Structures are given as structure tokens and as C-alpha cells.
């Protein structure tokens, strides 16, 4: 049982990478999603195509089939409307899964989001406990973020003891195989893909000084694996690079990479009005002290690492989209 892991949302971007990491580490993986097996996982897995809240899944978890449950499923569209479907999928359904984990003795690692902080009032990294501090942040800017914050708060109050768990507030996760996320792909990936494919990037005209915290998906998956292998205090943890990269810097990366591949042709930069300025995160950056303390030696990335991964992604987009 110690090597059995359930990964929900396994057909998604982070779910696919997480599944592959556990497979390579020798775990017996059960992958669950509403979508079919994407067909390019590292090794065959037991694939369940059903909701994570189905009675069959909850019964398996409660019966002790799994040592670890990695919960990546949910509604991830930041444009999703408030309502019962969003609340049940992202909050109440996860609490039912948590209770099944408590009964079955499984460790629960679930996906939260840096979006719970909303607007940061100061351009410095924000710690987990500041999510209720109006002097530090605005709080959720959309129903999706509100559903994640509601889950984090319920987990903190309900499972102070009795359940081994960790909630991970991802910043902007990027990497290969992200394109199926469409408009929900990280802005870094969107800019790189556009620059590689068209020689142009489009930015909101008020966002050149905006900056965000980007973390490679491989780093996220490796961190989740370590959390499954090592004991940490039950808590919500930020998971990001711990530094922010400005849109202007990314545009410079794109210009250099485009010049290296297209010769003297300059990158075209088009500025467009921001119709959603009130709900736009102009700065994101995760304070990483809590996870550093709980998980010494955890996987980390430097500014140069992010730039290198971005270049690799640019070249992958260019190869894939070349005529």
C-alpha cells in the first residue's frame, strides 16, 4: 500500500507531469480524470474515467487502498461563474475526498492557487498567513480564487489533527505540454508560443511593469513527489520560484530568441487595452519560507533556470509550429 498513489486530474497539464514523476519513481499509480487517457504517459497506469467525488473512488480511498492522494482535478478556469458547480467541485467535493483520506489513512496533497491573494498591495513576496490581511492583499478577484481560498480555510480549521495533508498554492506553472490549457495557459507560455510562431507578442498596454512568479512544471511535480515521501506539518504552502519576472523582461527574452532564429527581423510588440484591469494580477510573488522550513532541500529554481526553461519552450514551439 505504501507505493500506491492516486492522481486526480491526471489528464491535465500538471496531472500528466505528476503521474509521470510517480511512475518513474516506481509507484503504483492510479490515474483519474473525466477525460480519456492522453496516451503518452511514461508507463501504463490504472486509468479511471469518472469524477473524483464518485462513490467508487471515495470508497477506495476510505478503504485504505492508497498511501497518497494527489488531487489536481477541479475547475481551473479563472473566468468560471460562481455557483453550485464551482463550489462543489473546488471546495465541498475536495472536503469529501479529504474525509475519505482521513478514514483510509492516506496523505492528501491538493492543488490550491496563488490567485487567493488577489492584488498584492506591495511588490514583495507574500506569505501564506497574509491571505486574510487587507493591508497585504485584496483577496480573491474572481469566483475561482474564492473557491480555492474557501477550501484552504476549511482544511485549516477542520484538519488541525487527524489527517496528513498539504495544500499547494501554485504560482504560474509553465512548461512543455501546456498548450491544451488554451487561454488558461501561463502568460509566459502564451508569449513564447506567439513569438516563436508569429514573431509578435501582444501585451496589455498597462502591463509592461507587471511581474509574476513563474515555476517550471517539472519543479512542481518533483516537489509533490518529495511531499509524498517525507513528513511535513499539515498546512497550506506557497509553491513558486520566490521571485517575479516582469513582462518587459520576458519580452526581451522573446526578442533575443526571435532574433537568434529569424535573423534581423525584429520582434513585433503590440500593446492593446486591458478590458479586465480591475481583476488583473499585476504582481505575483510567493514567500517560500514555510515550504523551505518544512521541506529542507526541496527542488528550487533560479532566475537563470526560468530563463533557460523559457528558451527551451520557445524552441519547442518553433519546431512544432514550423511549416
Protein backbone atom coordinates (compact mmCIF):
# COMPACT_ATOMS: atom_id res chain seq x y z
CA UNK A 1 0.00 0.00 0.00
CA UNK A 2 2.91 2.38 0.68
CA UNK A 3 3.68 2.59 -3.06
CA UNK A 4 0.10 3.19 -4.21
CA UNK A 5 -0.84 6.70 -5.25
CA UNK A 6 -4.00 8.18 -6.74
CA UNK A 7 -3.58 11.20 -9.03
CA UNK A 8 -6.81 13.02 -9.86
CA UNK A 9 -6.93 15.34 -12.87
CA UNK A 10 -4.29 13.09 -14.42
CA UNK A 11 -5.12 14.10 -18.00
CA UNK A 12 -4.38 17.75 -17.22
CA UNK A 13 -1.13 19.66 -17.56
CA UNK A 14 0.22 19.31 -14.01
CA UNK A 15 -1.54 15.97 -13.55
CA UNK A 16 0.27 14.39 -16.51
CA UNK A 17 3.67 15.51 -15.24
CA UNK A 18 2.85 14.40 -11.69
CA UNK A 19 1.71 10.99 -12.88
CA UNK A 20 4.92 10.53 -14.88
CA UNK A 21 7.12 11.52 -11.91
CA UNK A 22 5.47 8.95 -9.64
CA UNK A 23 5.74 6.29 -12.35
CA UNK A 24 9.46 6.91 -12.78
CA UNK A 25 9.88 6.70 -9.00
CA UNK A 26 8.38 3.21 -9.01
CA UNK A 27 4.94 3.92 -7.55
CA UNK A 28 1.78 2.02 -8.47
CA UNK A 29 -0.25 4.86 -9.96
CA UNK A 30 -4.00 5.05 -10.39
CA UNK A 31 -4.80 7.97 -12.69
CA UNK A 32 -8.25 9.51 -12.61
CA UNK A 33 -9.89 12.07 -14.89
CA UNK A 34 -13.15 12.72 -16.72
CA UNK A 35 -11.13 12.76 -19.94
CA UNK A 36 -9.58 9.70 -21.61
CA UNK A 37 -6.00 8.58 -21.09
CA UNK A 38 -3.86 11.09 -23.05
CA UNK A 39 -1.86 8.14 -24.35
CA UNK A 40 1.66 9.42 -23.78
CA UNK A 41 2.30 8.68 -20.12
CA UNK A 42 5.63 7.12 -19.23
CA UNK A 43 4.26 3.67 -18.38
CA UNK A 44 0.85 2.01 -18.30
CA UNK A 45 -1.27 3.05 -15.33
CA UNK A 46 -4.62 2.04 -13.94
CA UNK A 47 -6.92 4.62 -15.53
CA UNK A 48 -10.27 5.58 -14.01
CA UNK A 49 -12.57 7.80 -16.06
CA UNK A 50 -15.01 9.16 -13.51
CA UNK A 51 -15.49 12.11 -11.11
CA UNK A 52 -13.19 12.20 -8.10
CA UNK A 53 -16.31 12.52 -5.94
CA UNK A 54 -17.87 9.30 -7.24
CA UNK A 55 -18.83 6.79 -4.57
CA UNK A 56 -16.49 4.18 -6.03
CA UNK A 57 -13.46 6.48 -5.74
CA UNK A 58 -14.27 7.73 -2.25
CA UNK A 59 -14.89 4.17 -1.06
CA UNK A 60 -11.49 3.03 -2.39
CA UNK A 61 -9.73 5.90 -0.65
CA UNK A 62 -11.62 5.34 2.62
CA UNK A 63 -10.83 1.62 2.48
CA UNK A 64 -7.10 2.38 2.59
CA UNK A 65 -6.17 1.47 -0.99
CA UNK A 66 -3.78 4.43 -1.34
CA UNK A 67 -0.96 5.83 0.76
CA UNK A 68 -1.07 9.16 -1.07
CA UNK A 69 -3.78 11.04 -2.96
CA UNK A 70 -2.57 13.87 -5.21
CA UNK A 71 -5.59 15.97 -6.07
CA UNK A 72 -5.16 18.04 -9.25
CA UNK A 73 -8.73 17.81 -10.56
CA UNK A 74 -11.10 20.75 -10.47
CA UNK A 75 -12.42 23.74 -12.37
CA UNK A 76 -9.32 25.80 -13.18
CA UNK A 77 -10.88 28.46 -15.42
CA UNK A 78 -10.48 31.84 -13.72
CA UNK A 79 -13.48 33.03 -15.77
CA UNK A 80 -15.82 30.39 -14.29
CA UNK A 81 -19.09 31.73 -12.93
CA UNK A 82 -19.94 31.48 -9.25
CA UNK A 83 -22.45 28.79 -8.41
CA UNK A 84 -23.05 25.28 -7.07
CA UNK A 85 -20.90 23.53 -9.69
CA UNK A 86 -17.81 25.60 -8.90
CA UNK A 87 -18.35 25.37 -5.14
CA UNK A 88 -18.93 21.63 -5.17
CA UNK A 89 -16.03 20.85 -7.49
CA UNK A 90 -13.39 23.11 -5.97
CA UNK A 91 -14.44 23.21 -2.32
CA UNK A 92 -17.07 20.82 -0.98
CA UNK A 93 -16.09 17.86 -3.15
CA UNK A 94 -12.46 18.17 -2.06
CA UNK A 95 -13.56 18.16 1.57
CA UNK A 96 -15.37 14.86 0.95
CA UNK A 97 -12.17 13.49 -0.57
CA UNK A 98 -10.23 14.74 2.46
CA UNK A 99 -12.59 12.93 4.80
CA UNK A 100 -12.12 9.71 2.82
CA UNK A 101 -8.34 10.20 3.13
CA UNK A 102 -8.69 10.65 6.88
CA UNK A 103 -10.70 7.44 7.15
CA UNK A 104 -8.32 5.46 4.97
CA UNK A 105 -5.10 6.88 6.40
CA UNK A 106 -3.97 8.44 3.10
CA UNK A 107 -1.86 11.56 2.78
CA UNK A 108 -3.66 14.26 0.76
CA UNK A 109 -1.73 16.74 -1.39
CA UNK A 110 -4.08 19.11 -3.20
CA UNK A 111 -3.83 21.99 -5.66
CA UNK A 112 -4.67 25.43 -4.37
CA UNK A 113 -3.72 28.67 -6.12
CA UNK A 114 -1.73 31.87 -5.63
CA UNK A 115 -4.82 33.64 -7.00
CA UNK A 116 -6.33 33.51 -3.49
CA UNK A 117 -4.28 36.62 -2.64
CA UNK A 118 -5.69 38.73 -5.46
CA UNK A 119 -3.96 42.09 -5.75
CA UNK A 120 -0.77 42.41 -3.72
CA UNK A 121 -0.59 45.92 -2.30
CA UNK A 122 3.21 45.85 -2.08
CA UNK A 123 5.68 44.48 -4.59
CA UNK A 124 7.23 41.90 -2.32
CA UNK A 125 6.65 38.16 -1.72
CA UNK A 126 3.53 37.32 0.26
CA UNK A 127 3.41 34.59 2.95
CA UNK A 128 0.56 32.14 3.42
CA UNK A 129 -0.78 33.68 6.64
CA UNK A 130 -1.31 37.07 4.92
CA UNK A 131 -4.31 35.80 2.93
CA UNK A 132 -6.61 37.47 5.47
CA UNK A 133 -4.59 40.68 5.83
CA UNK A 134 -6.24 43.53 3.88
CA UNK A 135 -3.08 45.59 4.29
CA UNK A 136 -1.15 43.00 2.25
CA UNK A 137 -3.64 41.81 -0.37
CA UNK A 138 -7.15 42.32 -1.73
CA UNK A 139 -8.21 38.67 -1.54
CA UNK A 140 -9.84 36.78 -4.43
CA UNK A 141 -10.62 38.72 -7.60
CA UNK A 142 -12.87 36.04 -9.12
CA UNK A 143 -15.11 33.12 -8.06
CA UNK A 144 -12.42 30.56 -8.93
CA UNK A 145 -9.96 32.11 -6.48
CA UNK A 146 -12.70 32.42 -3.86
CA UNK A 147 -13.44 28.69 -4.16
CA UNK A 148 -9.77 27.86 -3.56
CA UNK A 149 -9.49 30.16 -0.55
CA UNK A 150 -12.68 28.67 0.92
CA UNK A 151 -11.13 25.21 0.63
CA UNK A 152 -7.86 26.30 2.27
CA UNK A 153 -9.69 27.87 5.19
CA UNK A 154 -11.91 24.84 5.73
CA UNK A 155 -8.92 22.49 5.62
CA UNK A 156 -7.05 24.60 8.19
CA UNK A 157 -9.99 24.68 10.59
CA UNK A 158 -11.24 21.13 10.11
CA UNK A 159 -8.00 19.16 9.98
CA UNK A 160 -5.67 20.61 12.58
CA UNK A 161 -5.16 16.94 13.53
CA UNK A 162 -6.27 13.57 12.22
CA UNK A 163 -5.23 13.99 8.58
CA UNK A 164 -1.83 14.18 6.89
CA UNK A 165 -2.27 16.88 4.24
CA UNK A 166 -0.68 19.74 2.31
CA UNK A 167 -2.35 22.35 0.12
CA UNK A 168 -0.12 23.92 -2.55
CA UNK A 169 -0.71 27.45 -3.74
CA UNK A 170 0.84 27.28 -7.19
CA UNK A 171 2.02 30.47 -8.80
CA UNK A 172 2.29 30.49 -12.63
CA UNK A 173 3.22 26.94 -13.62
CA UNK A 174 4.69 26.63 -17.11
CA UNK A 175 6.38 24.02 -19.25
CA UNK A 176 6.05 21.53 -22.10
CA UNK A 177 2.68 20.02 -22.93
CA UNK A 178 0.75 23.05 -21.62
CA UNK A 179 -0.94 24.10 -24.84
CA UNK A 180 -4.20 22.24 -24.20
CA UNK A 181 -4.94 24.75 -21.42
CA UNK A 182 -5.75 27.32 -24.09
CA UNK A 183 -6.31 30.79 -22.60
CA UNK A 184 -5.61 29.39 -19.12
CA UNK A 185 -2.00 28.60 -20.08
CA UNK A 186 0.58 30.70 -18.26
CA UNK A 187 1.19 34.11 -19.79
CA UNK A 188 4.86 33.14 -20.11
CA UNK A 189 3.97 30.18 -22.33
CA UNK A 190 1.49 32.25 -24.32
CA UNK A 191 4.08 34.92 -25.09
CA UNK A 192 6.75 32.39 -26.01
CA UNK A 193 4.40 30.50 -28.31
CA UNK A 194 3.27 33.67 -30.05
CA UNK A 195 6.83 34.92 -30.51
CA UNK A 196 8.00 31.56 -31.88
CA UNK A 197 5.02 31.11 -34.17
CA UNK A 198 4.24 34.61 -35.45
CA UNK A 199 7.16 36.86 -34.49
CA UNK A 200 4.78 39.01 -32.48
CA UNK A 201 3.72 39.38 -28.85
CA UNK A 202 0.60 41.18 -27.65
CA UNK A 203 0.54 42.74 -24.21
CA UNK A 204 -1.91 44.84 -22.28
CA UNK A 205 -0.79 48.45 -22.50
CA UNK A 206 -0.76 48.78 -18.70
CA UNK A 207 1.24 45.60 -18.03
CA UNK A 208 4.84 46.25 -19.11
CA UNK A 209 5.88 46.78 -15.49
CA UNK A 210 3.74 43.87 -14.29
CA UNK A 211 5.70 40.91 -12.92
CA UNK A 212 4.78 37.37 -11.97
CA UNK A 213 6.28 34.38 -10.21
CA UNK A 214 6.83 31.50 -12.68
CA UNK A 215 7.71 27.93 -11.74
CA UNK A 216 8.51 25.06 -14.13
CA UNK A 217 6.05 22.18 -14.04
CA UNK A 218 8.92 19.74 -13.51
CA UNK A 219 9.79 21.53 -10.26
CA UNK A 220 6.17 21.33 -9.12
CA UNK A 221 5.97 17.60 -9.84
CA UNK A 222 9.30 16.90 -8.10
CA UNK A 223 8.11 18.83 -5.04
CA UNK A 224 4.89 16.83 -4.90
CA UNK A 225 6.91 13.60 -5.03
CA UNK A 226 9.03 14.76 -2.09
CA UNK A 227 5.89 15.69 -0.14
CA UNK A 228 4.64 12.14 -0.67
CA UNK A 229 7.90 10.71 0.66
CA UNK A 230 8.61 12.97 3.63
CA UNK A 231 6.62 14.09 6.65
CA UNK A 232 5.70 17.78 6.80
CA UNK A 233 3.32 19.73 9.06
CA UNK A 234 -0.26 19.78 7.79
CA UNK A 235 -0.66 23.24 6.25
CA UNK A 236 -1.19 25.34 3.17
CA UNK A 237 2.10 26.12 1.41
CA UNK A 238 3.05 28.53 -1.35
CA UNK A 239 4.77 26.85 -4.27
CA UNK A 240 6.54 29.23 -6.60
CA UNK A 241 10.01 30.35 -7.60
CA UNK A 242 10.02 33.03 -4.90
CA UNK A 243 10.85 35.86 -7.31
CA UNK A 244 8.95 37.74 -10.01
CA UNK A 245 9.88 38.26 -13.66
CA UNK A 246 8.49 41.33 -15.40
CA UNK A 247 6.61 41.21 -18.68
CA UNK A 248 9.24 43.58 -20.08
CA UNK A 249 11.98 41.06 -19.24
CA UNK A 250 10.02 38.24 -20.90
CA UNK A 251 9.53 40.42 -23.97
CA UNK A 252 13.31 40.95 -24.09
CA UNK A 253 13.80 37.17 -23.90
CA UNK A 254 11.37 36.72 -26.76
CA UNK A 255 13.09 39.42 -28.83
CA UNK A 256 16.51 37.85 -28.34
CA UNK A 257 15.29 34.33 -29.11
CA UNK A 258 13.39 35.54 -32.17
CA UNK A 259 16.46 37.39 -33.43
CA UNK A 260 18.64 34.31 -32.94
CA UNK A 261 16.25 32.18 -35.01
CA UNK A 262 14.88 34.69 -37.54
CA UNK A 263 17.95 36.78 -38.25
CA UNK A 264 17.50 40.53 -38.33
CA UNK A 265 13.70 40.52 -38.36
CA UNK A 266 12.62 42.34 -35.19
CA UNK A 267 10.01 41.02 -32.81
CA UNK A 268 6.75 42.95 -33.17
CA UNK A 269 5.26 44.13 -29.88
CA UNK A 270 1.62 45.20 -29.93
CA UNK A 271 0.01 46.90 -26.95
CA UNK A 272 -3.74 46.52 -26.50
CA UNK A 273 -6.20 47.94 -23.93
CA UNK A 274 -6.81 45.87 -20.80
CA UNK A 275 -10.56 45.36 -20.55
CA UNK A 276 -10.21 43.44 -17.26
CA UNK A 277 -7.89 45.75 -15.35
CA UNK A 278 -9.92 45.54 -12.12
CA UNK A 279 -9.47 41.75 -11.96
CA UNK A 280 -5.90 41.59 -13.26
CA UNK A 281 -2.96 40.47 -11.12
CA UNK A 282 -0.15 42.90 -11.92
CA UNK A 283 2.26 41.35 -9.43
CA UNK A 284 2.53 37.85 -8.01
CA UNK A 285 5.34 36.52 -5.86
CA UNK A 286 5.33 33.71 -3.30
CA UNK A 287 7.15 33.91 0.02
CA UNK A 288 8.72 30.45 0.26
CA UNK A 289 9.95 30.37 3.88
CA UNK A 290 7.24 27.97 5.08
CA UNK A 291 7.99 25.28 2.49
CA UNK A 292 11.75 25.81 2.86
CA UNK A 293 11.38 25.08 6.58
CA UNK A 294 9.03 22.12 6.18
CA UNK A 295 10.88 20.51 3.25
CA UNK A 296 14.63 21.18 3.52
CA UNK A 297 16.48 20.54 0.28
CA UNK A 298 13.31 20.90 -1.79
CA UNK A 299 13.62 21.46 -5.56
CA UNK A 300 14.22 25.14 -6.32
CA UNK A 301 14.88 27.28 -9.39
CA UNK A 302 16.90 30.43 -10.03
CA UNK A 303 16.13 33.33 -12.34
CA UNK A 304 18.57 31.82 -14.84
CA UNK A 305 16.77 28.45 -14.61
CA UNK A 306 13.47 30.09 -15.53
CA UNK A 307 15.10 31.91 -18.43
CA UNK A 308 16.70 28.66 -19.65
CA UNK A 309 13.42 26.74 -19.45
CA UNK A 310 11.70 29.57 -21.29
CA UNK A 311 14.26 29.33 -24.10
CA UNK A 312 13.72 25.57 -24.34
CA UNK A 313 9.98 26.13 -24.57
CA UNK A 314 10.43 28.79 -27.27
CA UNK A 315 12.47 26.42 -29.42
CA UNK A 316 9.95 23.61 -28.86
CA UNK A 317 7.13 25.88 -30.02
CA UNK A 318 9.16 26.95 -33.05
CA UNK A 319 9.87 23.37 -34.08
CA UNK A 320 6.29 22.25 -33.53
CA UNK A 321 4.73 25.12 -35.45
CA UNK A 322 7.24 25.32 -38.31
CA UNK A 323 5.71 24.63 -41.77
